[in-house]
Amino acid sequence: MKTVTSNRVIPQSNFPGEASYPGRRTIANTEGRLPSHLTRVLHLLLLVAVLIQLISSQFIERPLPGEAPSVIFSLHEYVGLGTFVIVFAFWCWTLIRRGETKFGRLFPWLSPRRVREVVADTFGQLRRLSRGDFSDQSGGAMVSSVHGLGLLVMTGMAVTGSAYFFLSGTLAHTALSLHSLMANLVWAYLIGHSTLAALHHLLGSDILARMFWLPRGVRSTGLLYEREKK
């Protein structure tokens, strides 16, 4: 089946939510737009803040009662509070933005229809992988739901860390235990997320260009950037 749009013939994909473009790999439907500048700014700020938190956490020790905290410990605390503000802003923007990934696609778990979409998209991606198709599916239902899970665990890390900062006694101890658990989940998410993004980039996707203001024609050939020829 073929659809003619703007005097160009665009083959229809066999999978829901996909569109194929001449001369390019199949990509997922991302609702027709690049991420907004605010989405990209919040994404970058959250990435930097989370990296600082995860790395600094490997070198901090809680001060004993009456002991002054180290510079790294203080940095971890205050960057953590800043992370909470960034996460809160991300949630607010996710609720009100238009033309980007919808809130229901990030968190589909209370809608049977959206859960079916996630399951169908997951099997569709497995079929593509089995055929050697590693094209960018960043707008698919499954990937969007994983992004939602990532936002949830980062929110959990920021909330529990902030709770530990302001609380004391048993509540603070409980918050710290949950904070450590959330940090481990964020490590797992960050490693998986960044690895897959780098892999897609090396396979020719412009996924990094879309999120980090690189020219849309910039793709990867081997380990080098190359501007896509028109």
C-alpha atoms as a PDB file:
ATOM      1  CA  MET A   1       0.000   0.000   0.000  1.00  0.00           C
ATOM      2  CA  LYS A   2       1.356   3.469  -0.894  1.00  0.00           C
ATOM      3  CA  THR A   3       0.233   6.930   0.046  1.00  0.00           C
ATOM      4  CA  VAL A   4       1.045   9.984  -2.061  1.00  0.00           C
ATOM      5  CA  THR A   5       1.851  13.061   0.039  1.00  0.00           C
ATOM      6  CA  SER A   6       3.237  16.346  -1.328  1.00  0.00           C
ATOM      7  CA  ASN A   7       4.110  14.713  -4.665  1.00  0.00           C
ATOM      8  CA  ARG A   8       6.319  12.176  -2.873  1.00  0.00           C
ATOM      9  CA  VAL A   9       5.533   8.485  -2.614  1.00  0.00           C
ATOM     10  CA  ILE A  10       5.878   7.286   0.962  1.00  0.00           C
ATOM     11  CA  PRO A  11       5.610   3.519   1.496  1.00  0.00           C
ATOM     12  CA  GLN A  12       3.450   2.571   4.422  1.00  0.00           C
ATOM     13  CA  SER A  13       5.016   0.486   7.165  1.00  0.00           C
ATOM     14  CA  ASN A  14       3.550  -2.830   8.259  1.00  0.00           C
ATOM     15  CA  PHE A  15       3.704  -1.767  11.901  1.00  0.00           C
ATOM     16  CA  PRO A  16       1.428   0.710  13.687  1.00  0.00           C
ATOM     17  CA  GLY A  17       2.976   4.019  14.610  1.00  0.00           C
ATOM     18  CA  GLU A  18       5.710   3.851  11.977  1.00  0.00           C
ATOM     19  CA  ALA A  19       6.366   5.747   8.781  1.00  0.00           C
ATOM     20  CA  SER A  20       9.024   5.030   6.180  1.00  0.00           C
ATOM     21  CA  TYR A  21      10.762   7.764   4.219  1.00  0.00           C
ATOM     22  CA  PRO A  22      12.660   7.368   0.944  1.00  0.00           C
ATOM     23  CA  GLY A  23      16.357   6.828   1.410  1.00  0.00           C
ATOM     24  CA  ARG A  24      16.137   6.569   5.170  1.00  0.00           C
ATOM     25  CA  ARG A  25      15.668   3.849   7.729  1.00  0.00           C
ATOM     26  CA  THR A  26      12.182   3.224   9.104  1.00  0.00           C
ATOM     27  CA  ILE A  27      11.576   5.490  12.072  1.00  0.00           C
ATOM     28  CA  ALA A  28       8.807   5.668  14.617  1.00  0.00           C
ATOM     29  CA  ASN A  29       6.134   8.282  14.506  1.00  0.00           C
ATOM     30  CA  THR A  30       7.247  11.044  16.876  1.00  0.00           C
ATOM     31  CA  GLU A  31       4.091  13.058  16.288  1.00  0.00           C
ATOM     32  CA  GLY A  32       5.759  14.953  13.458  1.00  0.00           C
ATOM     33  CA  ARG A  33       7.920  17.328  15.485  1.00  0.00           C
ATOM     34  CA  LEU A  34      11.321  17.653  17.081  1.00  0.00           C
ATOM     35  CA  PRO A  35      11.324  17.864  20.882  1.00  0.00           C
ATOM     36  CA  SER A  36      10.734  21.453  21.929  1.00  0.00           C
ATOM     37  CA  HIS A  37      13.648  23.552  23.152  1.00  0.00           C
ATOM     38  CA  LEU A  38      12.259  23.440  26.697  1.00  0.00           C
ATOM     39  CA  THR A  39      12.048  19.642  26.610  1.00  0.00           C
ATOM     40  CA  ARG A  40      15.649  19.455  25.434  1.00  0.00           C
ATOM     41  CA  VAL A  41      16.841  21.968  28.030  1.00  0.00           C
ATOM     42  CA  LEU A  42      15.118  20.053  30.858  1.00  0.00           C
ATOM     43  CA  HIS A  43      16.443  16.749  29.500  1.00  0.00           C
ATOM     44  CA  LEU A  44      20.009  18.114  29.430  1.00  0.00           C
ATOM     45  CA  LEU A  45      19.748  19.659  32.890  1.00  0.00           C
ATOM     46  CA  LEU A  46      18.340  16.434  34.320  1.00  0.00           C
ATOM     47  CA  LEU A  47      21.073  14.388  32.633  1.00  0.00           C
ATOM     48  CA  VAL A  48      23.860  16.593  34.035  1.00  0.00           C
ATOM     49  CA  ALA A  49      22.314  16.701  37.512  1.00  0.00           C
ATOM     50  CA  VAL A  50      21.799  12.934  37.673  1.00  0.00           C
ATOM     51  CA  LEU A  51      25.359  12.278  36.464  1.00  0.00           C
ATOM     52  CA  ILE A  52      26.741  14.582  39.164  1.00  0.00           C
ATOM     53  CA  GLN A  53      24.626  12.825  41.780  1.00  0.00           C
ATOM     54  CA  LEU A  54      25.532   9.294  40.743  1.00  0.00           C
ATOM     55  CA  ILE A  55      29.242  10.024  40.422  1.00  0.00           C
ATOM     56  CA  SER A  56      29.519  12.071  43.634  1.00  0.00           C
ATOM     57  CA  SER A  57      27.661   9.357  45.552  1.00  0.00           C
ATOM     58  CA  GLN A  58      30.658   7.076  45.032  1.00  0.00           C
ATOM     59  CA  PHE A  59      32.918   9.409  47.037  1.00  0.00           C
ATOM     60  CA  ILE A  60      30.765  10.692  49.889  1.00  0.00           C
ATOM     61  CA  GLU A  61      30.562   9.666  53.521  1.00  0.00           C
ATOM     62  CA  ARG A  62      27.868  10.869  55.867  1.00  0.00           C
ATOM     63  CA  PRO A  63      29.358  13.146  58.519  1.00  0.00           C
ATOM     64  CA  LEU A  64      29.204  12.018  62.119  1.00  0.00           C
ATOM     65  CA  PRO A  65      27.047  14.055  64.547  1.00  0.00           C
ATOM     66  CA  GLY A  66      28.766  17.399  65.128  1.00  0.00           C
ATOM     67  CA  GLU A  67      31.148  16.878  62.228  1.00  0.00           C
ATOM     68  CA  ALA A  68      31.193  19.333  59.320  1.00  0.00           C
ATOM     69  CA  PRO A  69      30.137  17.748  55.990  1.00  0.00           C
ATOM     70  CA  SER A  70      32.733  17.440  53.251  1.00  0.00           C
ATOM     71  CA  VAL A  71      32.596  19.591  50.134  1.00  0.00           C
ATOM     72  CA  ILE A  72      31.512  16.595  48.052  1.00  0.00           C
ATOM     73  CA  PHE A  73      28.758  15.715  50.518  1.00  0.00           C
ATOM     74  CA  SER A  74      27.452  19.299  50.476  1.00  0.00           C
ATOM     75  CA  LEU A  75      27.630  19.346  46.662  1.00  0.00           C
ATOM     76  CA  HIS A  76      25.633  16.108  46.549  1.00  0.00           C
ATOM     77  CA  GLU A  77      22.975  17.539  48.866  1.00  0.00           C
ATOM     78  CA  TYR A  78      22.458  20.840  47.072  1.00  0.00           C
ATOM     79  CA  VAL A  79      22.640  19.428  43.555  1.00  0.00           C
ATOM     80  CA  GLY A  80      20.076  16.896  44.792  1.00  0.00           C
ATOM     81  CA  LEU A  81      17.726  19.697  45.794  1.00  0.00           C
ATOM     82  CA  GLY A  82      18.284  21.278  42.386  1.00  0.00           C
ATOM     83  CA  THR A  83      17.476  17.914  40.780  1.00  0.00           C
ATOM     84  CA  PHE A  84      14.149  17.894  42.618  1.00  0.00           C
ATOM     85  CA  VAL A  85      13.330  21.310  41.128  1.00  0.00           C
ATOM     86  CA  ILE A  86      14.274  20.110  37.622  1.00  0.00           C
ATOM     87  CA  VAL A  87      12.180  16.956  38.000  1.00  0.00           C
ATOM     88  CA  PHE A  88       9.222  18.987  39.233  1.00  0.00           C
ATOM     89  CA  ALA A  89       9.553  21.308  36.216  1.00  0.00           C
ATOM     90  CA  PHE A  90       9.753  18.280  33.918  1.00  0.00           C
ATOM     91  CA  TRP A  91       6.521  16.885  35.335  1.00  0.00           C
ATOM     92  CA  CYS A  92       4.735  20.224  34.928  1.00  0.00           C
ATOM     93  CA  TRP A  93       5.945  20.616  31.354  1.00  0.00           C
ATOM     94  CA  THR A  94       5.010  17.019  30.485  1.00  0.00           C
ATOM     95  CA  LEU A  95       1.440  17.729  31.604  1.00  0.00           C
ATOM     96  CA  ILE A  96       0.933  20.928  29.602  1.00  0.00           C
ATOM     97  CA  ARG A  97       3.113  20.605  26.478  1.00  0.00           C
ATOM     98  CA  ARG A  98       1.557  19.993  23.070  1.00  0.00           C
ATOM     99  CA  GLY A  99       2.777  18.157  19.987  1.00  0.00           C
ATOM    100  CA  GLU A 100       5.214  15.903  21.877  1.00  0.00           C
ATOM    101  CA  THR A 101       4.970  12.560  23.636  1.00  0.00           C
ATOM    102  CA  LYS A 102       1.671  12.545  25.487  1.00  0.00           C
ATOM    103  CA  PHE A 103       1.437  11.890  29.215  1.00  0.00           C
ATOM    104  CA  GLY A 104      -0.637   8.752  28.591  1.00  0.00           C
ATOM    105  CA  ARG A 105       2.112   7.264  26.409  1.00  0.00           C
ATOM    106  CA  LEU A 106       4.707   7.828  29.120  1.00  0.00           C
ATOM    107  CA  PHE A 107       2.506   6.189  31.760  1.00  0.00           C
ATOM    108  CA  PRO A 108       0.180   3.742  29.969  1.00  0.00           C
ATOM    109  CA  TRP A 109      -0.268   1.260  32.812  1.00  0.00           C
ATOM    110  CA  LEU A 110      -3.798   2.301  33.885  1.00  0.00           C
ATOM    111  CA  SER A 111      -5.234   2.098  30.367  1.00  0.00           C
ATOM    112  CA  PRO A 112      -5.869  -1.398  28.936  1.00  0.00           C
ATOM    113  CA  ARG A 113      -5.771   0.026  25.404  1.00  0.00           C
ATOM    114  CA  ARG A 114      -2.388   1.681  25.938  1.00  0.00           C
ATOM    115  CA  VAL A 115      -1.000  -1.436  27.624  1.00  0.00           C
ATOM    116  CA  ARG A 116      -2.012  -3.431  24.537  1.00  0.00           C
ATOM    117  CA  GLU A 117      -0.206  -0.853  22.402  1.00  0.00           C
ATOM    118  CA  VAL A 118       2.953  -1.316  24.491  1.00  0.00           C
ATOM    119  CA  VAL A 119       2.745  -5.110  24.177  1.00  0.00           C
ATOM    120  CA  ALA A 120       2.103  -4.952  20.422  1.00  0.00           C
ATOM    121  CA  ASP A 121       4.932  -2.470  19.903  1.00  0.00           C
ATOM    122  CA  THR A 122       7.307  -4.636  21.962  1.00  0.00           C
ATOM    123  CA  PHE A 123       6.600  -7.688  19.802  1.00  0.00           C
ATOM    124  CA  GLY A 124       6.883  -5.532  16.693  1.00  0.00           C
ATOM    125  CA  GLN A 125      10.311  -4.330  17.739  1.00  0.00           C
ATOM    126  CA  LEU A 126      11.414  -7.884  18.509  1.00  0.00           C
ATOM    127  CA  ARG A 127      10.354  -8.900  14.991  1.00  0.00           C
ATOM    128  CA  ARG A 128      12.328  -6.014  13.523  1.00  0.00           C
ATOM    129  CA  LEU A 129      15.403  -6.943  15.539  1.00  0.00           C
ATOM    130  CA  SER A 130      15.119 -10.563  14.400  1.00  0.00           C
ATOM    131  CA  ARG A 131      15.285  -9.287  10.804  1.00  0.00           C
ATOM    132  CA  GLY A 132      18.358  -7.196  11.561  1.00  0.00           C
ATOM    133  CA  ASP A 133      16.404  -3.921  11.518  1.00  0.00           C
ATOM    134  CA  PHE A 134      17.935  -1.672  14.194  1.00  0.00           C
ATOM    135  CA  SER A 135      16.137   1.495  13.109  1.00  0.00           C
ATOM    136  CA  ASP A 136      15.234   4.236  15.583  1.00  0.00           C
ATOM    137  CA  GLN A 137      11.852   3.598  17.215  1.00  0.00           C
ATOM    138  CA  SER A 138      12.100   6.355  19.813  1.00  0.00           C
ATOM    139  CA  GLY A 139       8.466   7.423  19.380  1.00  0.00           C
ATOM    140  CA  GLY A 140       6.993   3.948  19.811  1.00  0.00           C
ATOM    141  CA  ALA A 141       4.676   2.951  22.637  1.00  0.00           C
ATOM    142  CA  MET A 142       7.222   0.663  24.298  1.00  0.00           C
ATOM    143  CA  VAL A 143      10.079   3.200  24.240  1.00  0.00           C
ATOM    144  CA  SER A 144       7.779   5.973  25.482  1.00  0.00           C
ATOM    145  CA  SER A 145       6.682   3.814  28.418  1.00  0.00           C
ATOM    146  CA  VAL A 146      10.334   3.094  29.287  1.00  0.00           C
ATOM    147  CA  HIS A 147      11.015   6.845  29.263  1.00  0.00           C
ATOM    148  CA  GLY A 148       8.125   7.204  31.695  1.00  0.00           C
ATOM    149  CA  LEU A 149       9.646   4.591  33.992  1.00  0.00           C
ATOM    150  CA  GLY A 150      12.944   6.466  33.849  1.00  0.00           C
ATOM    151  CA  LEU A 151      11.214   9.680  34.891  1.00  0.00           C
ATOM    152  CA  LEU A 152       9.534   7.819  37.765  1.00  0.00           C
ATOM    153  CA  VAL A 153      12.761   6.380  39.205  1.00  0.00           C
ATOM    154  CA  MET A 154      14.549   9.744  38.876  1.00  0.00           C
ATOM    155  CA  THR A 155      11.612  11.362  40.642  1.00  0.00           C
ATOM    156  CA  GLY A 156      11.848   8.747  43.381  1.00  0.00           C
ATOM    157  CA  MET A 157      15.572   9.413  43.797  1.00  0.00           C
ATOM    158  CA  ALA A 158      15.045  13.191  43.982  1.00  0.00           C
ATOM    159  CA  VAL A 159      12.083  12.978  46.381  1.00  0.00           C
ATOM    160  CA  THR A 160      13.730  10.537  48.801  1.00  0.00           C
ATOM    161  CA  GLY A 161      16.995  12.502  48.768  1.00  0.00           C
ATOM    162  CA  SER A 162      15.161  15.746  49.500  1.00  0.00           C
ATOM    163  CA  ALA A 163      13.175  14.016  52.251  1.00  0.00           C
ATOM    164  CA  TYR A 164      16.415  12.858  53.884  1.00  0.00           C
ATOM    165  CA  PHE A 165      17.731  16.440  53.746  1.00  0.00           C
ATOM    166  CA  PHE A 166      14.721  17.900  55.564  1.00  0.00           C
ATOM    167  CA  LEU A 167      13.716  15.038  57.893  1.00  0.00           C
ATOM    168  CA  SER A 168      15.399  13.424  60.865  1.00  0.00           C
ATOM    169  CA  GLY A 169      15.271  10.247  62.899  1.00  0.00           C
ATOM    170  CA  THR A 170      13.509   7.135  61.614  1.00  0.00           C
ATOM    171  CA  LEU A 171      11.866   8.916  58.704  1.00  0.00           C
ATOM    172  CA  ALA A 172      15.226  10.197  57.488  1.00  0.00           C
ATOM    173  CA  HIS A 173      16.739   6.712  57.782  1.00  0.00           C
ATOM    174  CA  THR A 174      13.852   5.218  55.778  1.00  0.00           C
ATOM    175  CA  ALA A 175      14.189   7.932  53.131  1.00  0.00           C
ATOM    176  CA  LEU A 176      17.929   7.240  52.859  1.00  0.00           C
ATOM    177  CA  SER A 177      17.332   3.503  52.364  1.00  0.00           C
ATOM    178  CA  LEU A 178      14.807   4.189  49.607  1.00  0.00           C
ATOM    179  CA  HIS A 179      17.162   6.774  48.114  1.00  0.00           C
ATOM    180  CA  SER A 180      19.905   4.154  47.776  1.00  0.00           C
ATOM    181  CA  LEU A 181      17.473   1.743  46.114  1.00  0.00           C
ATOM    182  CA  MET A 182      16.294   4.401  43.656  1.00  0.00           C
ATOM    183  CA  ALA A 183      19.890   5.354  42.862  1.00  0.00           C
ATOM    184  CA  ASN A 184      20.630   1.761  41.833  1.00  0.00           C
ATOM    185  CA  LEU A 185      17.571   1.766  39.561  1.00  0.00           C
ATOM    186  CA  VAL A 186      18.679   5.078  38.036  1.00  0.00           C
ATOM    187  CA  TRP A 187      22.146   3.607  37.374  1.00  0.00           C
ATOM    188  CA  ALA A 188      20.534   0.701  35.518  1.00  0.00           C
ATOM    189  CA  TYR A 189      18.240   3.003  33.532  1.00  0.00           C
ATOM    190  CA  LEU A 190      20.986   5.473  32.650  1.00  0.00           C
ATOM    191  CA  ILE A 191      23.389   2.775  31.465  1.00  0.00           C
ATOM    192  CA  GLY A 192      20.728   1.057  29.359  1.00  0.00           C
ATOM    193  CA  HIS A 193      19.287   4.299  27.982  1.00  0.00           C
ATOM    194  CA  SER A 194      22.642   5.831  27.012  1.00  0.00           C
ATOM    195  CA  THR A 195      23.949   2.558  25.557  1.00  0.00           C
ATOM    196  CA  LEU A 196      20.934   2.133  23.283  1.00  0.00           C
ATOM    197  CA  ALA A 197      21.052   5.797  22.223  1.00  0.00           C
ATOM    198  CA  ALA A 198      24.752   5.476  21.330  1.00  0.00           C
ATOM    199  CA  LEU A 199      24.066   2.230  19.461  1.00  0.00           C
ATOM    200  CA  HIS A 200      21.280   3.830  17.415  1.00  0.00           C
ATOM    201  CA  HIS A 201      23.579   6.755  16.642  1.00  0.00           C
ATOM    202  CA  LEU A 202      26.366   4.452  15.453  1.00  0.00           C
ATOM    203  CA  LEU A 203      23.861   2.601  13.271  1.00  0.00           C
ATOM    204  CA  GLY A 204      22.905   5.832  11.506  1.00  0.00           C
ATOM    205  CA  SER A 205      20.016   7.302  13.498  1.00  0.00           C
ATOM    206  CA  ASP A 206      19.864  11.047  14.159  1.00  0.00           C
ATOM    207  CA  ILE A 207      18.527  10.429  17.678  1.00  0.00           C
ATOM    208  CA  LEU A 208      21.326  12.446  19.333  1.00  0.00           C
ATOM    209  CA  ALA A 209      20.893  15.281  16.839  1.00  0.00           C
ATOM    210  CA  ARG A 210      17.204  15.531  17.718  1.00  0.00           C
ATOM    211  CA  MET A 211      17.862  15.822  21.451  1.00  0.00           C
ATOM    212  CA  PHE A 212      21.107  17.803  21.618  1.00  0.00           C
ATOM    213  CA  TRP A 213      20.756  20.522  18.948  1.00  0.00           C
ATOM    214  CA  LEU A 214      23.073  18.869  16.431  1.00  0.00           C
ATOM    215  CA  PRO A 215      22.119  19.528  12.782  1.00  0.00           C
ATOM    216  CA  ARG A 216      19.476  17.040  11.655  1.00  0.00           C
ATOM    217  CA  GLY A 217      21.812  15.838   8.874  1.00  0.00           C
ATOM    218  CA  VAL A 218      24.537  14.822  11.309  1.00  0.00           C
ATOM    219  CA  ARG A 219      24.787  11.071  11.561  1.00  0.00           C
ATOM    220  CA  SER A 220      27.493   8.634  12.489  1.00  0.00           C
ATOM    221  CA  THR A 221      29.690   6.645  10.127  1.00  0.00           C
ATOM    222  CA  GLY A 222      31.783   4.294  12.226  1.00  0.00           C
ATOM    223  CA  LEU A 223      32.975   6.469  15.092  1.00  0.00           C
ATOM    224  CA  LEU A 224      32.946   9.734  13.116  1.00  0.00           C
ATOM    225  CA  TYR A 225      30.197  12.258  12.493  1.00  0.00           C
ATOM    226  CA  GLU A 226      29.259  12.790   8.895  1.00  0.00           C
ATOM    227  CA  ARG A 227      26.750  15.242   7.472  1.00  0.00           C
ATOM    228  CA  GLU A 228      24.127  13.369   5.531  1.00  0.00           C
ATOM    229  CA  LYS A 229      24.383  14.133   1.822  1.00  0.00           C
ATOM    230  CA  LYS A 230      21.327  15.732   0.291  1.00  0.00           C
END
